[in-house]
Amino acid sequence: MATIGQAAAVQAPARRGRITLAEYESWIDGGDIEEGAPIELFEGRIVRKMTKGRRHTAGSYHARRAIEPTLPAGWHLGVEAPVRMPASAGLPEPDLSVTRGAVDDYEVRDPGPADVALVVEVADSTLAEDRRRAAVYLAEGYPAYWVVNVRDHQLEVFRLGAEPEIIGDEASAELVLDGAAVARIAVADLLPRRPA
């Protein structure tokens, strides 16, 4: 796997064909974007969210069941919940996000890099795009990004300041919150069964 470029995220004016995070949020708050619309903002562009196949759905379910019980008090698991990307103009809705505090803490704002310890995407048909997004999340300051790769039955771990790591389904991954390892999660528990 190629090294992830970690170029500094720079706040720049919206380029042609792009919108700002503030514009997008005002459309949401003003009701111009219907709740539940299958879109999200990524790198200043409104993109259509992919329809989830059965293996993706199974992977999301398994990943949630594996991660959620390991979270200590003061953390919760977001499921397709928006996370802010102010520097790159984004409000994506990753499959899972390990977020500081309680759900009610985010009634008036969406969590950002200081609030989220881990972003998780489950990937099957979207594998290339989910890998590409790792660099964007890390440049924003998100400390860790996991790709639960259901196609190759492995976990791909991306961390700030580190080379990407591929962990097979016979091993486990460390869950790190605020710089401290709080649990080890078996990669096999994150994944659906191998196809017969």
N, C-alpha and C. Protein backbone atom coordinates (compact mmCIF):
# COMPACT_ATOMS: atom_id res chain seq x y z
N MET A 1 0.85 -1.17 0.00
CA MET A 1 0.00 0.00 0.00
C MET A 1 0.90 1.23 0.00
N ALA A 2 0.52 2.24 -0.73
CA ALA A 2 1.32 3.45 -0.83
C ALA A 2 1.28 4.22 0.47
N THR A 3 2.35 4.99 0.71
CA THR A 3 2.39 5.86 1.87
C THR A 3 1.35 6.95 1.72
N ILE A 4 0.73 7.30 2.83
CA ILE A 4 -0.29 8.33 2.80
C ILE A 4 0.40 9.68 2.90
N GLY A 5 0.12 10.57 1.95
CA GLY A 5 0.64 11.93 2.04
C GLY A 5 -0.10 12.67 3.14
N GLN A 6 0.64 13.37 3.98
CA GLN A 6 0.00 14.09 5.07
C GLN A 6 0.25 15.58 4.92
N ALA A 7 -0.10 16.10 3.75
CA ALA A 7 0.07 17.52 3.51
C ALA A 7 -0.79 18.31 4.48
N ALA A 8 -0.30 19.47 4.86
CA ALA A 8 -1.05 20.31 5.79
C ALA A 8 -2.34 20.77 5.15
N ALA A 9 -3.41 20.68 5.93
CA ALA A 9 -4.70 21.15 5.45
C ALA A 9 -4.72 22.67 5.55
N VAL A 10 -5.08 23.32 4.48
CA VAL A 10 -5.07 24.78 4.43
C VAL A 10 -6.47 25.27 4.14
N GLN A 11 -6.91 26.25 4.93
CA GLN A 11 -8.22 26.85 4.69
C GLN A 11 -8.10 27.75 3.47
N ALA A 12 -8.82 27.45 2.43
CA ALA A 12 -8.75 28.22 1.19
C ALA A 12 -10.16 28.59 0.78
N PRO A 13 -10.29 29.66 0.01
CA PRO A 13 -11.63 29.99 -0.47
C PRO A 13 -12.17 28.88 -1.35
N ALA A 14 -13.48 28.76 -1.38
CA ALA A 14 -14.10 27.72 -2.19
C ALA A 14 -13.70 27.88 -3.64
N ARG A 15 -13.31 26.76 -4.27
CA ARG A 15 -12.97 26.78 -5.69
C ARG A 15 -14.23 26.60 -6.51
N ARG A 16 -14.11 26.91 -7.76
CA ARG A 16 -15.24 26.77 -8.67
C ARG A 16 -15.86 25.38 -8.55
N GLY A 17 -17.17 25.34 -8.40
CA GLY A 17 -17.87 24.08 -8.30
C GLY A 17 -17.84 23.48 -6.90
N ARG A 18 -17.27 24.21 -5.95
CA ARG A 18 -17.19 23.70 -4.59
C ARG A 18 -17.95 24.65 -3.66
N ILE A 19 -18.36 24.10 -2.54
CA ILE A 19 -19.04 24.92 -1.55
C ILE A 19 -18.31 24.81 -0.22
N THR A 20 -18.58 25.75 0.65
CA THR A 20 -17.93 25.73 1.96
C THR A 20 -18.75 24.89 2.93
N LEU A 21 -18.09 24.50 4.01
CA LEU A 21 -18.77 23.76 5.05
C LEU A 21 -19.89 24.61 5.65
N ALA A 22 -19.63 25.90 5.84
CA ALA A 22 -20.65 26.80 6.39
C ALA A 22 -21.89 26.86 5.50
N GLU A 23 -21.69 26.91 4.17
CA GLU A 23 -22.84 26.93 3.25
C GLU A 23 -23.65 25.64 3.38
N TYR A 24 -22.97 24.53 3.40
CA TYR A 24 -23.65 23.23 3.48
C TYR A 24 -24.42 23.12 4.79
N GLU A 25 -23.78 23.52 5.90
CA GLU A 25 -24.46 23.46 7.19
C GLU A 25 -25.67 24.38 7.23
N SER A 26 -25.57 25.53 6.57
CA SER A 26 -26.73 26.43 6.55
C SER A 26 -27.88 25.82 5.75
N TRP A 27 -27.57 25.07 4.71
CA TRP A 27 -28.62 24.39 3.94
C TRP A 27 -29.29 23.32 4.78
N ILE A 28 -28.49 22.60 5.58
CA ILE A 28 -29.06 21.57 6.46
C ILE A 28 -29.95 22.25 7.51
N ASP A 29 -29.40 23.26 8.18
CA ASP A 29 -30.14 23.94 9.25
C ASP A 29 -31.40 24.62 8.73
N GLY A 30 -31.34 25.10 7.50
CA GLY A 30 -32.48 25.80 6.91
C GLY A 30 -33.50 24.87 6.26
N GLY A 31 -33.22 23.58 6.26
CA GLY A 31 -34.16 22.63 5.68
C GLY A 31 -34.06 22.51 4.17
N ASP A 32 -33.02 23.12 3.56
CA ASP A 32 -32.85 23.03 2.11
C ASP A 32 -32.38 21.64 1.68
N ILE A 33 -31.74 20.92 2.62
CA ILE A 33 -31.36 19.54 2.37
C ILE A 33 -32.24 18.68 3.25
N GLU A 34 -32.98 17.79 2.64
CA GLU A 34 -33.92 16.94 3.36
C GLU A 34 -33.17 15.98 4.27
N GLU A 35 -33.64 15.84 5.51
CA GLU A 35 -33.04 14.90 6.44
C GLU A 35 -33.08 13.50 5.85
N GLY A 36 -31.95 12.82 5.92
CA GLY A 36 -31.86 11.47 5.37
C GLY A 36 -31.51 11.42 3.90
N ALA A 37 -31.30 12.60 3.28
CA ALA A 37 -30.92 12.61 1.86
C ALA A 37 -29.63 11.80 1.68
N PRO A 38 -29.51 11.01 0.64
CA PRO A 38 -28.34 10.15 0.46
C PRO A 38 -27.13 10.89 -0.10
N ILE A 39 -26.76 11.99 0.57
CA ILE A 39 -25.62 12.80 0.13
C ILE A 39 -24.79 13.17 1.35
N GLU A 40 -23.56 13.61 1.08
CA GLU A 40 -22.68 14.15 2.10
C GLU A 40 -21.73 15.13 1.44
N LEU A 41 -21.08 15.96 2.24
CA LEU A 41 -20.10 16.92 1.72
C LEU A 41 -18.71 16.36 1.96
N PHE A 42 -17.91 16.29 0.90
CA PHE A 42 -16.52 15.83 1.04
C PHE A 42 -15.65 16.66 0.12
N GLU A 43 -14.62 17.29 0.68
CA GLU A 43 -13.70 18.15 -0.07
C GLU A 43 -14.44 19.20 -0.88
N GLY A 44 -15.46 19.80 -0.26
CA GLY A 44 -16.18 20.90 -0.90
C GLY A 44 -17.16 20.49 -1.97
N ARG A 45 -17.38 19.22 -2.13
CA ARG A 45 -18.32 18.73 -3.15
C ARG A 45 -19.42 17.91 -2.49
N ILE A 46 -20.62 18.08 -2.99
CA ILE A 46 -21.72 17.24 -2.54
C ILE A 46 -21.62 15.94 -3.32
N VAL A 47 -21.48 14.84 -2.58
CA VAL A 47 -21.33 13.53 -3.22
C VAL A 47 -22.46 12.62 -2.77
N ARG A 48 -22.84 11.73 -3.64
CA ARG A 48 -23.89 10.76 -3.34
C ARG A 48 -23.30 9.63 -2.51
N LYS A 49 -23.98 9.26 -1.45
CA LYS A 49 -23.54 8.12 -0.64
C LYS A 49 -23.87 6.84 -1.39
N MET A 50 -22.98 5.88 -1.28
CA MET A 50 -23.14 4.62 -1.99
C MET A 50 -24.20 3.75 -1.33
N THR A 51 -24.94 3.03 -2.13
CA THR A 51 -25.85 2.02 -1.61
C THR A 51 -25.00 0.90 -1.03
N LYS A 52 -25.42 0.38 0.10
CA LYS A 52 -24.62 -0.63 0.79
C LYS A 52 -25.06 -2.04 0.38
N GLY A 53 -24.09 -2.83 -0.01
CA GLY A 53 -24.36 -4.23 -0.34
C GLY A 53 -24.44 -5.07 0.92
N ARG A 54 -24.76 -6.33 0.75
CA ARG A 54 -24.95 -7.22 1.90
C ARG A 54 -23.68 -7.42 2.70
N ARG A 55 -22.54 -7.58 2.02
CA ARG A 55 -21.27 -7.79 2.76
C ARG A 55 -20.88 -6.53 3.51
N HIS A 56 -21.12 -5.37 2.91
CA HIS A 56 -20.84 -4.11 3.61
C HIS A 56 -21.72 -4.01 4.85
N THR A 57 -23.00 -4.31 4.70
CA THR A 57 -23.92 -4.25 5.83
C THR A 57 -23.50 -5.20 6.94
N ALA A 58 -23.11 -6.42 6.58
CA ALA A 58 -22.65 -7.38 7.58
C ALA A 58 -21.38 -6.89 8.26
N GLY A 59 -20.46 -6.31 7.49
CA GLY A 59 -19.23 -5.77 8.07
C GLY A 59 -19.51 -4.64 9.04
N SER A 60 -20.43 -3.76 8.70
CA SER A 60 -20.80 -2.66 9.59
C SER A 60 -21.36 -3.20 10.90
N TYR A 61 -22.22 -4.19 10.79
CA TYR A 61 -22.82 -4.80 11.97
C TYR A 61 -21.75 -5.42 12.87
N HIS A 62 -20.86 -6.22 12.28
CA HIS A 62 -19.81 -6.88 13.06
C HIS A 62 -18.86 -5.86 13.67
N ALA A 63 -18.48 -4.85 12.92
CA ALA A 63 -17.56 -3.83 13.45
C ALA A 63 -18.18 -3.10 14.63
N ARG A 64 -19.44 -2.77 14.50
CA ARG A 64 -20.12 -2.09 15.61
C ARG A 64 -20.14 -2.98 16.85
N ARG A 65 -20.51 -4.24 16.68
CA ARG A 65 -20.57 -5.17 17.82
C ARG A 65 -19.20 -5.41 18.44
N ALA A 66 -18.13 -5.33 17.64
CA ALA A 66 -16.78 -5.56 18.18
C ALA A 66 -16.24 -4.33 18.91
N ILE A 67 -16.53 -3.14 18.41
CA ILE A 67 -15.95 -1.92 18.97
C ILE A 67 -16.73 -1.40 20.17
N GLU A 68 -18.04 -1.35 20.06
CA GLU A 68 -18.85 -0.66 21.07
C GLU A 68 -18.63 -1.16 22.51
N PRO A 69 -18.56 -2.47 22.75
CA PRO A 69 -18.39 -2.92 24.13
C PRO A 69 -17.03 -2.58 24.74
N THR A 70 -16.06 -2.22 23.92
CA THR A 70 -14.71 -1.92 24.42
C THR A 70 -14.57 -0.46 24.87
N LEU A 71 -15.56 0.36 24.57
CA LEU A 71 -15.41 1.80 24.85
C LEU A 71 -15.60 2.09 26.33
N PRO A 72 -14.65 2.83 26.90
CA PRO A 72 -14.80 3.21 28.31
C PRO A 72 -15.82 4.34 28.47
N ALA A 73 -16.18 4.61 29.72
CA ALA A 73 -17.08 5.73 30.01
C ALA A 73 -16.48 7.00 29.41
N GLY A 74 -17.35 7.85 28.91
CA GLY A 74 -16.89 9.10 28.32
C GLY A 74 -16.70 9.03 26.81
N TRP A 75 -17.03 7.90 26.21
CA TRP A 75 -16.92 7.72 24.76
C TRP A 75 -18.17 7.02 24.26
N HIS A 76 -18.53 7.29 23.00
CA HIS A 76 -19.65 6.57 22.40
C HIS A 76 -19.33 6.29 20.94
N LEU A 77 -20.09 5.39 20.35
CA LEU A 77 -19.88 5.00 18.96
C LEU A 77 -20.93 5.67 18.09
N GLY A 78 -20.50 6.53 17.19
CA GLY A 78 -21.40 7.13 16.21
C GLY A 78 -21.60 6.16 15.06
N VAL A 79 -22.82 6.05 14.58
CA VAL A 79 -23.14 5.17 13.46
C VAL A 79 -23.70 6.04 12.34
N GLU A 80 -22.93 6.15 11.25
CA GLU A 80 -23.28 7.01 10.12
C GLU A 80 -23.64 8.41 10.60
N ALA A 81 -22.89 8.90 11.58
CA ALA A 81 -23.10 10.23 12.13
C ALA A 81 -22.11 11.20 11.48
N PRO A 82 -22.54 12.44 11.20
CA PRO A 82 -21.65 13.40 10.55
C PRO A 82 -20.45 13.76 11.44
N VAL A 83 -19.30 13.97 10.79
CA VAL A 83 -18.12 14.51 11.45
C VAL A 83 -17.62 15.70 10.62
N ARG A 84 -17.16 16.74 11.32
CA ARG A 84 -16.75 17.97 10.63
C ARG A 84 -15.32 17.89 10.12
N MET A 85 -15.13 18.47 8.92
CA MET A 85 -13.81 18.60 8.33
C MET A 85 -13.67 20.05 7.88
N PRO A 86 -13.39 20.96 8.82
CA PRO A 86 -13.40 22.38 8.48
C PRO A 86 -12.37 22.80 7.44
N ALA A 87 -11.17 22.24 7.48
CA ALA A 87 -10.12 22.68 6.56
C ALA A 87 -10.39 22.26 5.12
N SER A 88 -10.97 21.08 4.93
CA SER A 88 -11.19 20.59 3.57
C SER A 88 -12.65 20.68 3.13
N ALA A 89 -13.47 21.37 3.91
CA ALA A 89 -14.89 21.56 3.59
C ALA A 89 -15.60 20.22 3.45
N GLY A 90 -15.79 19.55 4.58
CA GLY A 90 -16.46 18.26 4.55
C GLY A 90 -17.35 18.04 5.75
N LEU A 91 -18.39 17.30 5.54
CA LEU A 91 -19.27 16.82 6.59
C LEU A 91 -19.69 15.39 6.21
N PRO A 92 -18.68 14.49 6.15
CA PRO A 92 -19.00 13.11 5.77
C PRO A 92 -19.70 12.38 6.91
N GLU A 93 -20.27 11.24 6.58
CA GLU A 93 -20.97 10.40 7.55
C GLU A 93 -20.34 9.00 7.49
N PRO A 94 -19.19 8.83 8.17
CA PRO A 94 -18.52 7.53 8.12
C PRO A 94 -19.39 6.44 8.74
N ASP A 95 -19.07 5.20 8.39
CA ASP A 95 -19.84 4.07 8.92
C ASP A 95 -19.87 4.10 10.44
N LEU A 96 -18.70 4.32 11.06
CA LEU A 96 -18.60 4.38 12.52
C LEU A 96 -17.60 5.46 12.92
N SER A 97 -17.79 6.02 14.09
CA SER A 97 -16.82 6.97 14.64
C SER A 97 -16.83 6.86 16.16
N VAL A 98 -15.65 6.75 16.75
CA VAL A 98 -15.52 6.69 18.19
C VAL A 98 -15.35 8.13 18.67
N THR A 99 -16.35 8.61 19.40
CA THR A 99 -16.47 10.03 19.71
C THR A 99 -16.52 10.26 21.22
N ARG A 100 -15.83 11.31 21.64
CA ARG A 100 -15.78 11.70 23.04
C ARG A 100 -17.16 12.16 23.53
N GLY A 101 -17.48 11.84 24.79
CA GLY A 101 -18.70 12.32 25.39
C GLY A 101 -19.90 11.46 25.05
N ALA A 102 -21.07 12.08 25.22
CA ALA A 102 -22.34 11.40 24.97
C ALA A 102 -22.97 11.93 23.70
N VAL A 103 -23.90 11.18 23.14
CA VAL A 103 -24.60 11.60 21.93
C VAL A 103 -25.23 12.98 22.13
N ASP A 104 -25.81 13.21 23.30
CA ASP A 104 -26.48 14.49 23.57
C ASP A 104 -25.53 15.69 23.55
N ASP A 105 -24.23 15.46 23.67
CA ASP A 105 -23.26 16.56 23.62
C ASP A 105 -23.20 17.19 22.23
N TYR A 106 -23.77 16.53 21.24
CA TYR A 106 -23.66 16.99 19.85
C TYR A 106 -25.02 17.36 19.25
N GLU A 107 -25.91 17.84 20.09
CA GLU A 107 -27.22 18.27 19.58
C GLU A 107 -27.14 19.57 18.79
N VAL A 108 -26.16 20.43 19.09
CA VAL A 108 -26.08 21.72 18.41
C VAL A 108 -24.83 21.86 17.54
N ARG A 109 -23.99 20.86 17.53
CA ARG A 109 -22.80 20.87 16.66
C ARG A 109 -22.39 19.45 16.37
N ASP A 110 -21.69 19.27 15.25
CA ASP A 110 -21.17 17.96 14.89
C ASP A 110 -19.75 17.83 15.42
N PRO A 111 -19.32 16.63 15.82
CA PRO A 111 -17.96 16.46 16.32
C PRO A 111 -16.92 16.68 15.23
N GLY A 112 -15.75 17.12 15.65
CA GLY A 112 -14.63 17.34 14.73
C GLY A 112 -13.41 16.56 15.18
N PRO A 113 -12.24 16.89 14.63
CA PRO A 113 -11.02 16.13 14.93
C PRO A 113 -10.67 16.06 16.42
N ALA A 114 -10.96 17.09 17.18
CA ALA A 114 -10.64 17.08 18.61
C ALA A 114 -11.57 16.17 19.40
N ASP A 115 -12.71 15.82 18.82
CA ASP A 115 -13.72 15.02 19.50
C ASP A 115 -13.70 13.54 19.12
N VAL A 116 -13.13 13.22 17.97
CA VAL A 116 -13.23 11.86 17.42
C VAL A 116 -11.85 11.20 17.45
N ALA A 117 -11.77 10.04 18.11
CA ALA A 117 -10.51 9.31 18.21
C ALA A 117 -10.28 8.36 17.05
N LEU A 118 -11.38 7.89 16.44
CA LEU A 118 -11.26 6.89 15.38
C LEU A 118 -12.43 7.00 14.41
N VAL A 119 -12.11 7.01 13.13
CA VAL A 119 -13.12 6.94 12.07
C VAL A 119 -12.97 5.57 11.42
N VAL A 120 -14.11 4.90 11.18
CA VAL A 120 -14.09 3.55 10.59
C VAL A 120 -14.99 3.54 9.36
N GLU A 121 -14.43 3.08 8.25
CA GLU A 121 -15.21 2.83 7.04
C GLU A 121 -15.13 1.35 6.73
N VAL A 122 -16.26 0.77 6.39
CA VAL A 122 -16.33 -0.62 5.93
C VAL A 122 -16.29 -0.56 4.41
N ALA A 123 -15.42 -1.34 3.81
CA ALA A 123 -15.21 -1.22 2.37
C ALA A 123 -15.32 -2.56 1.66
N ASP A 124 -16.06 -2.52 0.58
CA ASP A 124 -16.13 -3.65 -0.35
C ASP A 124 -15.96 -3.05 -1.74
N SER A 125 -17.03 -2.60 -2.35
CA SER A 125 -16.94 -1.98 -3.68
C SER A 125 -16.32 -0.58 -3.61
N THR A 126 -16.28 0.05 -2.43
CA THR A 126 -15.76 1.41 -2.29
C THR A 126 -14.33 1.44 -1.76
N LEU A 127 -13.61 0.33 -1.85
CA LEU A 127 -12.29 0.20 -1.23
C LEU A 127 -11.32 1.30 -1.68
N ALA A 128 -11.21 1.56 -2.96
CA ALA A 128 -10.25 2.57 -3.44
C ALA A 128 -10.58 3.95 -2.89
N GLU A 129 -11.85 4.31 -2.90
CA GLU A 129 -12.25 5.63 -2.38
C GLU A 129 -12.04 5.70 -0.87
N ASP A 130 -12.36 4.65 -0.14
CA ASP A 130 -12.15 4.68 1.31
C ASP A 130 -10.68 4.79 1.65
N ARG A 131 -9.81 4.14 0.91
CA ARG A 131 -8.36 4.30 1.12
C ARG A 131 -7.92 5.74 0.82
N ARG A 132 -8.44 6.31 -0.24
CA ARG A 132 -8.08 7.69 -0.60
C ARG A 132 -8.49 8.66 0.50
N ARG A 133 -9.63 8.42 1.09
CA ARG A 133 -10.14 9.33 2.13
C ARG A 133 -9.27 9.33 3.38
N ALA A 134 -8.48 8.28 3.59
CA ALA A 134 -7.62 8.23 4.77
C ALA A 134 -6.73 9.46 4.86
N ALA A 135 -6.11 9.84 3.75
CA ALA A 135 -5.21 11.00 3.76
C ALA A 135 -5.95 12.28 4.12
N VAL A 136 -7.18 12.41 3.68
CA VAL A 136 -7.97 13.62 3.97
C VAL A 136 -8.30 13.68 5.46
N TYR A 137 -8.75 12.58 6.03
CA TYR A 137 -9.05 12.54 7.46
C TYR A 137 -7.80 12.85 8.29
N LEU A 138 -6.66 12.24 7.95
CA LEU A 138 -5.44 12.47 8.71
C LEU A 138 -4.97 13.92 8.58
N ALA A 139 -5.07 14.49 7.39
CA ALA A 139 -4.69 15.89 7.20
C ALA A 139 -5.57 16.82 8.02
N GLU A 140 -6.80 16.44 8.24
CA GLU A 140 -7.73 17.23 9.07
C GLU A 140 -7.36 17.15 10.55
N GLY A 141 -6.58 16.16 10.93
CA GLY A 141 -6.20 16.01 12.33
C GLY A 141 -6.89 14.87 13.06
N TYR A 142 -7.67 14.06 12.34
CA TYR A 142 -8.26 12.87 12.96
C TYR A 142 -7.11 11.90 13.24
N PRO A 143 -6.99 11.38 14.49
CA PRO A 143 -5.81 10.59 14.83
C PRO A 143 -5.73 9.21 14.22
N ALA A 144 -6.87 8.60 13.92
CA ALA A 144 -6.83 7.25 13.36
C ALA A 144 -8.02 7.01 12.46
N TYR A 145 -7.78 6.19 11.43
CA TYR A 145 -8.79 5.87 10.42
C TYR A 145 -8.61 4.40 10.08
N TRP A 146 -9.67 3.63 10.21
CA TRP A 146 -9.63 2.20 9.88
C TRP A 146 -10.49 1.94 8.66
N VAL A 147 -9.95 1.09 7.77
CA VAL A 147 -10.74 0.55 6.67
C VAL A 147 -10.94 -0.94 6.96
N VAL A 148 -12.18 -1.31 7.26
CA VAL A 148 -12.52 -2.72 7.45
C VAL A 148 -12.74 -3.27 6.04
N ASN A 149 -11.73 -3.93 5.52
CA ASN A 149 -11.69 -4.39 4.14
C ASN A 149 -12.33 -5.77 4.05
N VAL A 150 -13.63 -5.79 3.73
CA VAL A 150 -14.35 -7.07 3.67
C VAL A 150 -13.96 -7.87 2.43
N ARG A 151 -13.47 -7.19 1.40
CA ARG A 151 -13.08 -7.89 0.17
C ARG A 151 -11.86 -8.78 0.41
N ASP A 152 -10.84 -8.23 1.09
CA ASP A 152 -9.60 -8.97 1.32
C ASP A 152 -9.52 -9.54 2.74
N HIS A 153 -10.57 -9.37 3.51
CA HIS A 153 -10.69 -9.91 4.87
C HIS A 153 -9.53 -9.46 5.74
N GLN A 154 -9.37 -8.15 5.86
CA GLN A 154 -8.30 -7.58 6.66
C GLN A 154 -8.71 -6.19 7.14
N LEU A 155 -7.92 -5.67 8.07
CA LEU A 155 -8.11 -4.31 8.57
C LEU A 155 -6.93 -3.47 8.12
N GLU A 156 -7.20 -2.29 7.58
CA GLU A 156 -6.16 -1.36 7.17
C GLU A 156 -6.20 -0.19 8.14
N VAL A 157 -5.10 0.03 8.84
CA VAL A 157 -5.03 1.03 9.89
C VAL A 157 -4.16 2.19 9.43
N PHE A 158 -4.72 3.39 9.50
CA PHE A 158 -4.02 4.62 9.14
C PHE A 158 -3.97 5.50 10.39
N ARG A 159 -2.77 5.97 10.75
CA ARG A 159 -2.61 6.81 11.93
C ARG A 159 -1.78 8.03 11.58
N LEU A 160 -2.05 9.12 12.28
CA LEU A 160 -1.25 10.33 12.10
C LEU A 160 0.21 10.01 12.37
N GLY A 161 1.09 10.41 11.45
CA GLY A 161 2.52 10.26 11.65
C GLY A 161 3.05 8.85 11.54
N ALA A 162 2.28 7.91 11.01
CA ALA A 162 2.73 6.52 10.91
C ALA A 162 2.40 5.96 9.53
N GLU A 163 3.14 4.94 9.16
CA GLU A 163 2.86 4.24 7.90
C GLU A 163 1.58 3.42 8.05
N PRO A 164 0.83 3.24 6.98
CA PRO A 164 -0.35 2.39 7.06
C PRO A 164 0.03 0.97 7.46
N GLU A 165 -0.86 0.31 8.15
CA GLU A 165 -0.62 -1.05 8.63
C GLU A 165 -1.78 -1.94 8.17
N ILE A 166 -1.45 -3.10 7.65
CA ILE A 166 -2.45 -4.08 7.26
C ILE A 166 -2.42 -5.20 8.29
N ILE A 167 -3.58 -5.48 8.88
CA ILE A 167 -3.68 -6.51 9.91
C ILE A 167 -4.64 -7.58 9.43
N GLY A 168 -4.16 -8.81 9.35
CA GLY A 168 -4.97 -9.92 8.88
C GLY A 168 -5.98 -10.38 9.92
N ASP A 169 -6.89 -11.23 9.49
CA ASP A 169 -7.98 -11.65 10.37
C ASP A 169 -7.57 -12.63 11.45
N GLU A 170 -6.28 -12.98 11.52
CA GLU A 170 -5.80 -13.85 12.59
C GLU A 170 -5.21 -13.04 13.74
N ALA A 171 -5.14 -11.71 13.57
CA ALA A 171 -4.50 -10.84 14.56
C ALA A 171 -5.51 -9.86 15.15
N SER A 172 -5.01 -8.90 15.92
CA SER A 172 -5.89 -7.93 16.54
C SER A 172 -5.30 -6.53 16.37
N ALA A 173 -6.16 -5.54 16.61
CA ALA A 173 -5.76 -4.14 16.47
C ALA A 173 -5.98 -3.42 17.79
N GLU A 174 -5.10 -2.48 18.07
CA GLU A 174 -5.23 -1.68 19.28
C GLU A 174 -6.22 -0.54 19.07
N LEU A 175 -7.11 -0.38 20.01
CA LEU A 175 -7.99 0.79 20.02
C LEU A 175 -7.35 1.81 20.94
N VAL A 176 -7.00 2.98 20.39
CA VAL A 176 -6.29 4.01 21.13
C VAL A 176 -7.20 5.22 21.29
N LEU A 177 -7.38 5.65 22.54
CA LEU A 177 -8.17 6.84 22.85
C LEU A 177 -7.31 7.80 23.65
N ASP A 178 -7.21 9.03 23.21
CA ASP A 178 -6.38 10.03 23.89
C ASP A 178 -4.96 9.54 24.11
N GLY A 179 -4.40 8.84 23.13
CA GLY A 179 -3.01 8.40 23.20
C GLY A 179 -2.77 7.15 24.01
N ALA A 180 -3.80 6.55 24.59
CA ALA A 180 -3.62 5.35 25.39
C ALA A 180 -4.41 4.20 24.79
N ALA A 181 -3.78 3.02 24.73
CA ALA A 181 -4.48 1.82 24.25
C ALA A 181 -5.48 1.39 25.31
N VAL A 182 -6.73 1.26 24.92
CA VAL A 182 -7.78 0.88 25.88
C VAL A 182 -8.31 -0.54 25.62
N ALA A 183 -8.01 -1.10 24.46
CA ALA A 183 -8.51 -2.44 24.13
C ALA A 183 -7.76 -2.98 22.93
N ARG A 184 -7.82 -4.31 22.79
CA ARG A 184 -7.39 -4.98 21.57
C ARG A 184 -8.62 -5.63 20.99
N ILE A 185 -8.81 -5.42 19.70
CA ILE A 185 -10.00 -5.94 19.03
C ILE A 185 -9.55 -6.94 17.97
N ALA A 186 -10.09 -8.14 18.03
CA ALA A 186 -9.76 -9.17 17.04
C ALA A 186 -10.29 -8.73 15.68
N VAL A 187 -9.43 -8.71 14.69
CA VAL A 187 -9.84 -8.30 13.35
C VAL A 187 -10.95 -9.21 12.82
N ALA A 188 -10.90 -10.48 13.12
CA ALA A 188 -11.95 -11.40 12.68
C ALA A 188 -13.32 -10.97 13.19
N ASP A 189 -13.35 -10.34 14.37
CA ASP A 189 -14.63 -9.90 14.93
C ASP A 189 -15.21 -8.69 14.19
N LEU A 190 -14.38 -7.97 13.46
CA LEU A 190 -14.82 -6.80 12.69
C LEU A 190 -15.43 -7.18 11.35
N LEU A 191 -15.18 -8.40 10.92
CA LEU A 191 -15.47 -8.81 9.54
C LEU A 191 -16.63 -9.81 9.47
N PRO A 192 -17.34 -9.81 8.32
CA PRO A 192 -18.31 -10.88 8.09
C PRO A 192 -17.55 -12.19 7.83
N ARG A 193 -18.26 -13.29 7.86
CA ARG A 193 -17.63 -14.58 7.56
C ARG A 193 -17.01 -14.54 6.17
N ARG A 194 -15.96 -15.33 6.02
CA ARG A 194 -15.35 -15.47 4.69
C ARG A 194 -16.35 -16.15 3.77
N PRO A 195 -16.39 -15.73 2.49
CA PRO A 195 -17.28 -16.41 1.56
C PRO A 195 -16.91 -17.88 1.41
N ALA A 196 -17.91 -18.70 1.23
CA ALA A 196 -17.67 -20.15 1.10
C ALA A 196 -17.04 -20.46 -0.24
